[in-house]
PDB file of N, CA and C in Angstrom:
ATOM      1  N   UNK A   1     -76.818 103.126 145.195  1.00  0.00           N
ATOM      2  CA  UNK A   1     -75.793 102.771 144.362  1.00  0.00           C
ATOM      3  C   UNK A   1     -75.333 103.464 143.414  1.00  0.00           C
ATOM      4  N   UNK A   2     -76.200 104.276 143.159  1.00  0.00           N
ATOM      5  CA  UNK A   2     -76.036 105.464 141.718  1.00  0.00           C
ATOM      6  C   UNK A   2     -74.554 106.334 142.282  1.00  0.00           C
ATOM      7  N   UNK A   3     -74.397 106.996 143.609  1.00  0.00           N
ATOM      8  CA  UNK A   3     -73.116 107.960 143.742  1.00  0.00           C
ATOM      9  C   UNK A   3     -72.167 106.817 143.819  1.00  0.00           C
ATOM     10  N   UNK A   4     -72.427 105.391 143.982  1.00  0.00           N
ATOM     11  CA  UNK A   4     -70.932 104.786 144.173  1.00  0.00           C
ATOM     12  C   UNK A   4     -70.450 104.344 142.881  1.00  0.00           C
ATOM     13  N   UNK A   5     -71.373 104.314 141.936  1.00  0.00           N
ATOM     14  CA  UNK A   5     -70.774 104.239 140.808  1.00  0.00           C
ATOM     15  C   UNK A   5     -70.611 105.519 139.715  1.00  0.00           C
ATOM     16  N   UNK A   6     -70.882 106.247 139.864  1.00  0.00           N
ATOM     17  CA  UNK A   6     -71.026 107.542 139.107  1.00  0.00           C
ATOM     18  C   UNK A   6     -70.600 108.760 140.150  1.00  0.00           C
ATOM     19  N   UNK A   7     -70.137 109.802 139.316  1.00  0.00           N
ATOM     20  CA  UNK A   7     -69.753 110.878 140.266  1.00  0.00           C
ATOM     21  C   UNK A   7     -70.860 111.964 139.377  1.00  0.00           C
ATOM     22  N   UNK A   8     -71.123 112.859 140.340  1.00  0.00           N
ATOM     23  CA  UNK A   8     -72.034 114.180 140.072  1.00  0.00           C
ATOM     24  C   UNK A   8     -71.549 114.605 138.560  1.00  0.00           C
ATOM     25  N   UNK A   9     -72.626 114.783 137.560  1.00  0.00           N
ATOM     26  CA  UNK A   9     -71.846 115.872 136.508  1.00  0.00           C
ATOM     27  C   UNK A   9     -72.590 117.144 136.722  1.00  0.00           C
ATOM     28  N   UNK A  10     -71.521 117.914 136.134  1.00  0.00           N
ATOM     29  CA  UNK A  10     -71.886 119.336 135.858  1.00  0.00           C
ATOM     30  C   UNK A  10     -72.825 119.530 134.866  1.00  0.00           C
ATOM     31  N   UNK A  11     -73.773 120.714 135.043  1.00  0.00           N
ATOM     32  CA  UNK A  11     -74.511 121.154 134.299  1.00  0.00           C
ATOM     33  C   UNK A  11     -74.509 121.038 132.614  1.00  0.00           C
ATOM     34  N   UNK A  12     -74.978 120.563 132.517  1.00  0.00           N
ATOM     35  CA  UNK A  12     -74.515 120.002 130.450  1.00  0.00           C
ATOM     36  C   UNK A  12     -76.039 120.191 129.680  1.00  0.00           C
ATOM     37  N   UNK A  13     -76.000 120.599 128.519  1.00  0.00           N
ATOM     38  CA  UNK A  13     -77.217 120.353 127.411  1.00  0.00           C
ATOM     39  C   UNK A  13     -77.722 119.080 127.493  1.00  0.00           C
ATOM     40  N   UNK A  14     -77.096 117.862 127.689  1.00  0.00           N
ATOM     41  CA  UNK A  14     -77.553 116.519 127.771  1.00  0.00           C
ATOM     42  C   UNK A  14     -78.495 116.324 128.317  1.00  0.00           C
ATOM     43  N   UNK A  15     -78.934 114.903 128.083  1.00  0.00           N
ATOM     44  CA  UNK A  15     -80.176 114.756 128.862  1.00  0.00           C
ATOM     45  C   UNK A  15     -80.109 114.357 130.453  1.00  0.00           C
ATOM     46  N   UNK A  16     -80.749 115.226 131.242  1.00  0.00           N
ATOM     47  CA  UNK A  16     -80.730 114.854 132.712  1.00  0.00           C
ATOM     48  C   UNK A  16     -81.031 113.272 132.888  1.00  0.00           C
ATOM     49  N   UNK A  17     -79.765 112.646 134.161  1.00  0.00           N
ATOM     50  CA  UNK A  17     -80.282 111.165 134.771  1.00  0.00           C
ATOM     51  C   UNK A  17     -80.815 111.915 136.190  1.00  0.00           C
ATOM     52  N   UNK A  18     -82.182 111.169 136.363  1.00  0.00           N
ATOM     53  CA  UNK A  18     -82.422 111.748 137.545  1.00  0.00           C
ATOM     54  C   UNK A  18     -82.021 111.446 139.104  1.00  0.00           C
ATOM     55  N   UNK A  19     -81.121 110.468 139.008  1.00  0.00           N
ATOM     56  CA  UNK A  19     -80.617 110.079 140.509  1.00  0.00           C
ATOM     57  C   UNK A  19     -79.275 111.041 140.381  1.00  0.00           C
ATOM     58  N   UNK A  20     -78.661 111.742 139.412  1.00  0.00           N
ATOM     59  CA  UNK A  20     -77.582 112.639 139.631  1.00  0.00           C
ATOM     60  C   UNK A  20     -77.872 113.935 139.372  1.00  0.00           C
ATOM     61  N   UNK A  21     -77.407 114.542 140.582  1.00  0.00           N
ATOM     62  CA  UNK A  21     -77.778 115.922 140.449  1.00  0.00           C
ATOM     63  C   UNK A  21     -76.747 116.855 139.512  1.00  0.00           C
ATOM     64  N   UNK A  22     -77.584 117.684 139.195  1.00  0.00           N
ATOM     65  CA  UNK A  22     -77.121 118.745 138.189  1.00  0.00           C
ATOM     66  C   UNK A  22     -76.097 119.521 139.006  1.00  0.00           C
ATOM     67  N   UNK A  23     -74.747 119.911 139.034  1.00  0.00           N
ATOM     68  CA  UNK A  23     -73.865 120.995 139.842  1.00  0.00           C
ATOM     69  C   UNK A  23     -73.002 121.962 138.582  1.00  0.00           C
ATOM     70  N   UNK A  24     -73.318 123.219 139.452  1.00  0.00           N
ATOM     71  CA  UNK A  24     -72.600 123.842 138.427  1.00  0.00           C
ATOM     72  C   UNK A  24     -70.861 123.747 138.812  1.00  0.00           C
ATOM     73  N   UNK A  25     -70.284 123.387 137.819  1.00  0.00           N
ATOM     74  CA  UNK A  25     -68.770 123.253 137.688  1.00  0.00           C
ATOM     75  C   UNK A  25     -68.150 124.664 138.199  1.00  0.00           C
ATOM     76  N   UNK A  26     -68.692 125.438 138.054  1.00  0.00           N
ATOM     77  CA  UNK A  26     -67.908 126.715 138.787  1.00  0.00           C
ATOM     78  C   UNK A  26     -68.128 126.609 140.575  1.00  0.00           C
ATOM     79  N   UNK A  27     -69.048 125.993 140.800  1.00  0.00           N
ATOM     80  CA  UNK A  27     -68.979 125.893 142.052  1.00  0.00           C
ATOM     81  C   UNK A  27     -67.737 125.720 143.019  1.00  0.00           C
ATOM     82  N   UNK A  28     -67.497 126.669 144.090  1.00  0.00           N
ATOM     83  CA  UNK A  28     -66.520 126.174 144.980  1.00  0.00           C
ATOM     84  C   UNK A  28     -66.972 125.236 146.140  1.00  0.00           C
ATOM     85  N   UNK A  29     -65.974 124.792 146.559  1.00  0.00           N
ATOM     86  CA  UNK A  29     -66.135 123.887 147.788  1.00  0.00           C
ATOM     87  C   UNK A  29     -66.355 124.910 149.198  1.00  0.00           C
ATOM     88  N   UNK A  30     -67.352 125.152 149.784  1.00  0.00           N
ATOM     89  CA  UNK A  30     -67.067 125.847 151.146  1.00  0.00           C
ATOM     90  C   UNK A  30     -66.177 125.568 152.166  1.00  0.00           C
ATOM     91  N   UNK A  31     -65.658 124.259 152.304  1.00  0.00           N
ATOM     92  CA  UNK A  31     -64.949 124.059 153.491  1.00  0.00           C
ATOM     93  C   UNK A  31     -63.506 123.721 152.456  1.00  0.00           C
ATOM     94  N   UNK A  32     -62.344 123.659 153.496  1.00  0.00           N
ATOM     95  CA  UNK A  32     -61.046 123.654 152.954  1.00  0.00           C
ATOM     96  C   UNK A  32     -61.281 122.171 153.113  1.00  0.00           C
ATOM     97  N   UNK A  33     -61.983 121.133 153.660  1.00  0.00           N
ATOM     98  CA  UNK A  33     -61.750 120.084 153.913  1.00  0.00           C
ATOM     99  C   UNK A  33     -61.844 119.122 152.475  1.00  0.00           C
ATOM    100  N   UNK A  34     -62.687 119.337 151.502  1.00  0.00           N
ATOM    101  CA  UNK A  34     -62.547 118.542 150.628  1.00  0.00           C
ATOM    102  C   UNK A  34     -62.581 119.766 149.255  1.00  0.00           C
ATOM    103  N   UNK A  35     -62.043 119.112 148.338  1.00  0.00           N
ATOM    104  CA  UNK A  35     -61.707 119.811 147.038  1.00  0.00           C
ATOM    105  C   UNK A  35     -63.198 119.655 146.325  1.00  0.00           C
ATOM    106  N   UNK A  36     -63.290 120.409 145.100  1.00  0.00           N
ATOM    107  CA  UNK A  36     -64.248 120.665 144.364  1.00  0.00           C
ATOM    108  C   UNK A  36     -65.028 119.079 143.759  1.00  0.00           C
ATOM    109  N   UNK A  37     -64.425 118.266 143.120  1.00  0.00           N
ATOM    110  CA  UNK A  37     -65.019 117.316 142.872  1.00  0.00           C
ATOM    111  C   UNK A  37     -65.387 116.552 144.130  1.00  0.00           C
ATOM    112  N   UNK A  38     -64.513 116.141 144.862  1.00  0.00           N
ATOM    113  CA  UNK A  38     -65.287 115.633 146.163  1.00  0.00           C
ATOM    114  C   UNK A  38     -66.387 116.288 146.926  1.00  0.00           C
ATOM    115  N   UNK A  39     -66.190 117.685 147.119  1.00  0.00           N
ATOM    116  CA  UNK A  39     -67.565 118.218 147.822  1.00  0.00           C
ATOM    117  C   UNK A  39     -68.635 118.007 146.804  1.00  0.00           C
ATOM    118  N   UNK A  40     -68.728 118.133 145.643  1.00  0.00           N
ATOM    119  CA  UNK A  40     -69.877 117.553 144.608  1.00  0.00           C
ATOM    120  C   UNK A  40     -70.317 116.486 144.591  1.00  0.00           C
ATOM    121  N   UNK A  41     -69.459 115.229 145.235  1.00  0.00           N
ATOM    122  CA  UNK A  41     -69.512 114.094 145.410  1.00  0.00           C
ATOM    123  C   UNK A  41     -70.230 113.911 146.645  1.00  0.00           C
ATOM    124  N   UNK A  42     -70.352 114.486 147.986  1.00  0.00           N
ATOM    125  CA  UNK A  42     -71.138 114.849 148.692  1.00  0.00           C
ATOM    126  C   UNK A  42     -72.083 115.023 149.185  1.00  0.00           C
ATOM    127  N   UNK A  43     -71.891 116.233 148.099  1.00  0.00           N
ATOM    128  CA  UNK A  43     -73.194 116.894 147.669  1.00  0.00           C
ATOM    129  C   UNK A  43     -74.491 116.214 147.313  1.00  0.00           C
ATOM    130  N   UNK A  44     -73.945 115.543 146.402  1.00  0.00           N
ATOM    131  CA  UNK A  44     -74.865 113.864 145.566  1.00  0.00           C
ATOM    132  C   UNK A  44     -75.477 113.204 146.696  1.00  0.00           C
ATOM    133  N   UNK A  45     -74.326 112.747 147.325  1.00  0.00           N
ATOM    134  CA  UNK A  45     -74.862 111.875 148.626  1.00  0.00           C
ATOM    135  C   UNK A  45     -75.701 112.556 149.393  1.00  0.00           C
ATOM    136  N   UNK A  46     -75.800 113.549 150.046  1.00  0.00           N
ATOM    137  CA  UNK A  46     -76.623 114.427 150.647  1.00  0.00           C
ATOM    138  C   UNK A  46     -77.971 114.437 150.263  1.00  0.00           C
ATOM    139  N   UNK A  47     -78.038 114.479 149.004  1.00  0.00           N
ATOM    140  CA  UNK A  47     -79.903 114.236 148.876  1.00  0.00           C
ATOM    141  C   UNK A  47     -80.185 113.079 148.811  1.00  0.00           C
ATOM    142  N   UNK A  48     -79.364 111.739 149.490  1.00  0.00           N
ATOM    143  CA  UNK A  48     -80.106 111.021 149.587  1.00  0.00           C
ATOM    144  C   UNK A  48     -80.653 110.888 151.029  1.00  0.00           C
ATOM    145  N   UNK A  49     -81.632 109.992 151.580  1.00  0.00           N
ATOM    146  CA  UNK A  49     -82.042 109.910 152.783  1.00  0.00           C
ATOM    147  C   UNK A  49     -80.952 109.676 153.591  1.00  0.00           C
ATOM    148  N   UNK A  50     -80.358 108.519 153.502  1.00  0.00           N
ATOM    149  CA  UNK A  50     -79.144 107.939 154.044  1.00  0.00           C
ATOM    150  C   UNK A  50     -77.992 108.644 154.363  1.00  0.00           C
ATOM    151  N   UNK A  51     -77.962 110.064 153.430  1.00  0.00           N
ATOM    152  CA  UNK A  51     -76.947 110.855 153.793  1.00  0.00           C
ATOM    153  C   UNK A  51     -77.277 112.174 154.424  1.00  0.00           C
ATOM    154  N   UNK A  52     -78.607 112.391 154.410  1.00  0.00           N
ATOM    155  CA  UNK A  52     -78.850 113.831 154.679  1.00  0.00           C
ATOM    156  C   UNK A  52     -78.174 114.451 155.928  1.00  0.00           C
ATOM    157  N   UNK A  53     -77.528 115.710 155.715  1.00  0.00           N
ATOM    158  CA  UNK A  53     -77.235 116.398 156.607  1.00  0.00           C
ATOM    159  C   UNK A  53     -75.429 116.255 156.527  1.00  0.00           C
ATOM    160  N   UNK A  54     -74.963 115.066 155.376  1.00  0.00           N
ATOM    161  CA  UNK A  54     -73.826 114.908 155.530  1.00  0.00           C
ATOM    162  C   UNK A  54     -72.998 116.172 155.219  1.00  0.00           C
ATOM    163  N   UNK A  55     -73.617 117.054 154.206  1.00  0.00           N
ATOM    164  CA  UNK A  55     -72.645 118.243 153.627  1.00  0.00           C
ATOM    165  C   UNK A  55     -72.357 119.253 154.652  1.00  0.00           C
ATOM    166  N   UNK A  56     -73.680 119.468 155.579  1.00  0.00           N
ATOM    167  CA  UNK A  56     -73.641 120.203 156.812  1.00  0.00           C
ATOM    168  C   UNK A  56     -72.669 119.915 157.925  1.00  0.00           C
ATOM    169  N   UNK A  57     -72.626 118.512 158.265  1.00  0.00           N
ATOM    170  CA  UNK A  57     -71.986 118.005 159.325  1.00  0.00           C
ATOM    171  C   UNK A  57     -70.279 118.286 158.729  1.00  0.00           C
ATOM    172  N   UNK A  58     -69.771 117.765 157.102  1.00  0.00           N
ATOM    173  CA  UNK A  58     -68.783 118.143 156.999  1.00  0.00           C
ATOM    174  C   UNK A  58     -68.418 119.453 157.228  1.00  0.00           C
ATOM    175  N   UNK A  59     -69.080 120.691 156.644  1.00  0.00           N
ATOM    176  CA  UNK A  59     -68.596 122.297 157.234  1.00  0.00           C
ATOM    177  C   UNK A  59     -68.782 122.592 158.708  1.00  0.00           C
ATOM    178  N   UNK A  60     -69.673 121.832 159.413  1.00  0.00           N
ATOM    179  CA  UNK A  60     -69.897 121.806 160.843  1.00  0.00           C
ATOM    180  C   UNK A  60     -68.679 121.320 161.741  1.00  0.00           C
ATOM    181  N   UNK A  61     -68.182 120.484 161.298  1.00  0.00           N
ATOM    182  CA  UNK A  61     -66.765 119.386 161.760  1.00  0.00           C
ATOM    183  C   UNK A  61     -66.066 119.204 161.192  1.00  0.00           C
ATOM    184  N   UNK A  62     -65.575 120.435 160.728  1.00  0.00           N
ATOM    185  CA  UNK A  62     -64.226 120.439 159.111  1.00  0.00           C
ATOM    186  C   UNK A  62     -62.648 119.597 159.937  1.00  0.00           C
ATOM    187  N   UNK A  63     -62.724 119.595 161.388  1.00  0.00           N
ATOM    188  CA  UNK A  63     -61.173 119.128 161.493  1.00  0.00           C
ATOM    189  C   UNK A  63     -61.499 117.815 161.648  1.00  0.00           C
ATOM    190  N   UNK A  64     -62.620 117.098 162.260  1.00  0.00           N
ATOM    191  CA  UNK A  64     -62.774 115.626 161.995  1.00  0.00           C
ATOM    192  C   UNK A  64     -62.592 115.473 160.419  1.00  0.00           C
ATOM    193  N   UNK A  65     -63.555 115.568 159.878  1.00  0.00           N
ATOM    194  CA  UNK A  65     -63.184 115.441 158.367  1.00  0.00           C
ATOM    195  C   UNK A  65     -62.046 115.116 157.885  1.00  0.00           C
ATOM    196  N   UNK A  66     -61.529 116.622 158.475  1.00  0.00           N
ATOM    197  CA  UNK A  66     -60.338 116.910 157.427  1.00  0.00           C
ATOM    198  C   UNK A  66     -59.102 115.588 157.650  1.00  0.00           C
ATOM    199  N   UNK A  67     -59.109 115.483 158.898  1.00  0.00           N
ATOM    200  CA  UNK A  67     -58.345 114.093 159.772  1.00  0.00           C
ATOM    201  C   UNK A  67     -58.725 112.368 158.984  1.00  0.00           C
ATOM    202  N   UNK A  68     -60.052 112.301 158.472  1.00  0.00           N
ATOM    203  CA  UNK A  68     -60.235 111.646 157.727  1.00  0.00           C
ATOM    204  C   UNK A  68     -59.867 111.456 156.437  1.00  0.00           C
ATOM    205  N   UNK A  69     -60.054 112.259 155.499  1.00  0.00           N
ATOM    206  CA  UNK A  69     -59.826 112.826 154.084  1.00  0.00           C
ATOM    207  C   UNK A  69     -58.100 112.732 154.255  1.00  0.00           C
ATOM    208  N   UNK A  70     -57.369 113.313 154.813  1.00  0.00           N
ATOM    209  CA  UNK A  70     -56.046 113.399 154.782  1.00  0.00           C
ATOM    210  C   UNK A  70     -55.224 111.978 155.361  1.00  0.00           C
ATOM    211  N   UNK A  71     -55.853 111.177 155.841  1.00  0.00           N
ATOM    212  CA  UNK A  71     -55.383 110.042 156.286  1.00  0.00           C
ATOM    213  C   UNK A  71     -54.708 108.944 155.142  1.00  0.00           C
ATOM    214  N   UNK A  72     -53.639 108.254 155.960  1.00  0.00           N
ATOM    215  CA  UNK A  72     -53.011 107.663 154.463  1.00  0.00           C
ATOM    216  C   UNK A  72     -53.997 106.501 154.252  1.00  0.00           C
ATOM    217  N   UNK A  73     -54.934 106.137 154.890  1.00  0.00           N
ATOM    218  CA  UNK A  73     -56.082 104.665 154.479  1.00  0.00           C
ATOM    219  C   UNK A  73     -57.555 105.523 155.341  1.00  0.00           C
ATOM    220  N   UNK A  74     -57.895 106.158 154.608  1.00  0.00           N
ATOM    221  CA  UNK A  74     -58.939 106.785 155.223  1.00  0.00           C
ATOM    222  C   UNK A  74     -60.165 105.793 155.089  1.00  0.00           C
ATOM    223  N   UNK A  75     -60.009 104.522 154.394  1.00  0.00           N
ATOM    224  CA  UNK A  75     -61.204 103.702 154.508  1.00  0.00           C
ATOM    225  C   UNK A  75     -60.962 102.809 155.830  1.00  0.00           C
ATOM    226  N   UNK A  76     -59.741 103.177 156.651  1.00  0.00           N
ATOM    227  CA  UNK A  76     -59.405 102.513 157.963  1.00  0.00           C
ATOM    228  C   UNK A  76     -59.786 103.121 159.236  1.00  0.00           C
ATOM    229  N   UNK A  77     -60.270 104.438 158.779  1.00  0.00           N
ATOM    230  CA  UNK A  77     -60.374 105.220 159.989  1.00  0.00           C
ATOM    231  C   UNK A  77     -61.825 105.145 160.425  1.00  0.00           C
ATOM    232  N   UNK A  78     -61.792 105.493 161.638  1.00  0.00           N
ATOM    233  CA  UNK A  78     -63.088 105.856 162.308  1.00  0.00           C
ATOM    234  C   UNK A  78     -64.046 106.819 161.776  1.00  0.00           C
ATOM    235  N   UNK A  79     -65.132 106.609 161.332  1.00  0.00           N
ATOM    236  CA  UNK A  79     -66.087 108.100 160.533  1.00  0.00           C
ATOM    237  C   UNK A  79     -66.444 109.111 161.773  1.00  0.00           C
ATOM    238  N   UNK A  80     -66.659 110.530 161.695  1.00  0.00           N
ATOM    239  CA  UNK A  80     -67.067 111.415 162.519  1.00  0.00           C
ATOM    240  C   UNK A  80     -68.710 111.055 163.264  1.00  0.00           C
ATOM    241  N   UNK A  81     -68.864 111.033 164.183  1.00  0.00           N
ATOM    242  CA  UNK A  81     -70.122 111.348 164.553  1.00  0.00           C
ATOM    243  C   UNK A  81     -70.977 109.969 164.050  1.00  0.00           C
ATOM    244  N   UNK A  82     -72.711 110.385 163.765  1.00  0.00           N
ATOM    245  CA  UNK A  82     -73.390 109.467 163.590  1.00  0.00           C
ATOM    246  C   UNK A  82     -73.222 108.403 162.324  1.00  0.00           C
ATOM    247  N   UNK A  83     -71.815 109.114 161.281  1.00  0.00           N
ATOM    248  CA  UNK A  83     -71.405 107.971 159.942  1.00  0.00           C
ATOM    249  C   UNK A  83     -70.902 106.958 160.542  1.00  0.00           C
ATOM    250  N   UNK A  84     -70.260 106.874 161.940  1.00  0.00           N
ATOM    251  CA  UNK A  84     -69.452 105.829 161.906  1.00  0.00           C
ATOM    252  C   UNK A  84     -70.577 104.332 162.057  1.00  0.00           C
ATOM    253  N   UNK A  85     -71.986 104.914 162.502  1.00  0.00           N
ATOM    254  CA  UNK A  85     -72.929 103.713 162.295  1.00  0.00           C
ATOM    255  C   UNK A  85     -73.546 103.164 160.778  1.00  0.00           C
ATOM    256  N   UNK A  86     -72.822 103.641 159.621  1.00  0.00           N
ATOM    257  CA  UNK A  86     -73.536 103.524 158.528  1.00  0.00           C
ATOM    258  C   UNK A  86     -72.962 102.157 158.002  1.00  0.00           C
ATOM    259  N   UNK A  87     -73.907 101.341 157.271  1.00  0.00           N
ATOM    260  CA  UNK A  87     -73.414 100.232 156.842  1.00  0.00           C
ATOM    261  C   UNK A  87     -71.835 100.225 155.781  1.00  0.00           C
ATOM    262  N   UNK A  88     -71.363  98.742 155.537  1.00  0.00           N
ATOM    263  CA  UNK A  88     -70.343  99.015 154.604  1.00  0.00           C
ATOM    264  C   UNK A  88     -70.125  99.775 153.005  1.00  0.00           C
ATOM    265  N   UNK A  89     -71.507  99.699 152.857  1.00  0.00           N
ATOM    266  CA  UNK A  89     -71.523 100.222 151.030  1.00  0.00           C
ATOM    267  C   UNK A  89     -71.751 101.370 151.424  1.00  0.00           C
ATOM    268  N   UNK A  90     -72.561 101.885 152.239  1.00  0.00           N
ATOM    269  CA  UNK A  90     -72.783 103.758 152.771  1.00  0.00           C
ATOM    270  C   UNK A  90     -71.359 104.115 153.178  1.00  0.00           C
ATOM    271  N   UNK A  91     -70.515 103.512 153.657  1.00  0.00           N
ATOM    272  CA  UNK A  91     -68.886 104.171 154.113  1.00  0.00           C
ATOM    273  C   UNK A  91     -68.259 103.984 152.820  1.00  0.00           C
ATOM    274  N   UNK A  92     -68.408 103.040 152.202  1.00  0.00           N
ATOM    275  CA  UNK A  92     -67.776 102.914 150.559  1.00  0.00           C
ATOM    276  C   UNK A  92     -68.155 103.990 149.567  1.00  0.00           C
ATOM    277  N   UNK A  93     -69.664 104.434 149.612  1.00  0.00           N
ATOM    278  CA  UNK A  93     -69.806 105.742 148.889  1.00  0.00           C
ATOM    279  C   UNK A  93     -69.322 106.781 149.544  1.00  0.00           C
ATOM    280  N   UNK A  94     -69.278 106.926 150.922  1.00  0.00           N
ATOM    281  CA  UNK A  94     -68.294 108.296 151.355  1.00  0.00           C
ATOM    282  C   UNK A  94     -66.920 108.455 151.179  1.00  0.00           C
ATOM    283  N   UNK A  95     -66.524 107.079 151.038  1.00  0.00           N
ATOM    284  CA  UNK A  95     -65.028 106.980 150.686  1.00  0.00           C
ATOM    285  C   UNK A  95     -64.783 107.485 149.070  1.00  0.00           C
ATOM    286  N   UNK A  96     -65.506 106.852 148.091  1.00  0.00           N
ATOM    287  CA  UNK A  96     -65.530 107.008 147.015  1.00  0.00           C
ATOM    288  C   UNK A  96     -65.743 108.649 146.628  1.00  0.00           C
ATOM    289  N   UNK A  97     -66.130 109.626 147.268  1.00  0.00           N
ATOM    290  CA  UNK A  97     -66.419 110.604 147.252  1.00  0.00           C
ATOM    291  C   UNK A  97     -65.411 111.321 147.700  1.00  0.00           C
ATOM    292  N   UNK A  98     -64.629 111.090 148.561  1.00  0.00           N
ATOM    293  CA  UNK A  98     -63.649 111.647 149.541  1.00  0.00           C
ATOM    294  C   UNK A  98     -62.321 111.320 148.807  1.00  0.00           C
ATOM    295  N   UNK A  99     -62.214 110.249 148.671  1.00  0.00           N
ATOM    296  CA  UNK A  99     -60.767 109.417 148.312  1.00  0.00           C
ATOM    297  C   UNK A  99     -60.748 108.730 147.263  1.00  0.00           C
ATOM    298  N   UNK A 100     -61.342 108.767 146.139  1.00  0.00           N
ATOM    299  CA  UNK A 100     -61.670 107.829 144.741  1.00  0.00           C
ATOM    300  C   UNK A 100     -60.083 106.863 145.085  1.00  0.00           C
ATOM    301  N   UNK A 101     -59.064 107.508 145.117  1.00  0.00           N
ATOM    302  CA  UNK A 101     -57.466 106.614 144.748  1.00  0.00           C
ATOM    303  C   UNK A 101     -57.583 105.752 146.149  1.00  0.00           C
ATOM    304  N   UNK A 102     -58.955 105.470 146.832  1.00  0.00           N
ATOM    305  CA  UNK A 102     -58.638 104.695 148.086  1.00  0.00           C
ATOM    306  C   UNK A 102     -59.491 103.446 147.745  1.00  0.00           C
ATOM    307  N   UNK A 103     -60.286 103.367 146.747  1.00  0.00           N
ATOM    308  CA  UNK A 103     -61.498 102.325 146.602  1.00  0.00           C
ATOM    309  C   UNK A 103     -61.059 100.996 146.392  1.00  0.00           C
ATOM    310  N   UNK A 104     -59.372 101.082 145.833  1.00  0.00           N
ATOM    311  CA  UNK A 104     -59.122  99.449 145.557  1.00  0.00           C
ATOM    312  C   UNK A 104     -59.028  98.940 146.939  1.00  0.00           C
ATOM    313  N   UNK A 105     -58.352  99.597 147.812  1.00  0.00           N
ATOM    314  CA  UNK A 105     -57.775  99.147 149.239  1.00  0.00           C
ATOM    315  C   UNK A 105     -59.302  99.396 149.849  1.00  0.00           C
ATOM    316  N   UNK A 106     -60.146  99.978 149.970  1.00  0.00           N
ATOM    317  CA  UNK A 106     -61.450 100.050 150.709  1.00  0.00           C
ATOM    318  C   UNK A 106     -62.656  98.899 150.418  1.00  0.00           C
ATOM    319  N   UNK A 107     -62.393  98.351 148.826  1.00  0.00           N
ATOM    320  CA  UNK A 107     -63.096  97.127 148.573  1.00  0.00           C
ATOM    321  C   UNK A 107     -62.777  95.724 149.382  1.00  0.00           C
ATOM    322  N   UNK A 108     -61.262  96.118 149.548  1.00  0.00           N
ATOM    323  CA  UNK A 108     -60.902  94.544 149.913  1.00  0.00           C
ATOM    324  C   UNK A 108     -60.905  94.358 151.264  1.00  0.00           C
TER     325      UNK A 108
END
């Protein structure tokens, strides 16, 4: 539930939160599909068992993910590959990372 409520935090001198990975704020997204904040969110999800390999799937299937990310209503799109079989909450977590602007509509 943590990735749904919080975004990953950049490395900072403050006390670490165990469920939020510490990311380098200068790290660039390897794919043009997602910008840095979205990519950092996906990296955080990828550390959870339910989202294992999400980051590598986005990199390997960039065109499929680009269609979803650039969609007018990504929450209504069918997720690529095995990601379409995730629970509604897990899909909300992915939408939250990729397109936080669509969360109000995704929750409805």
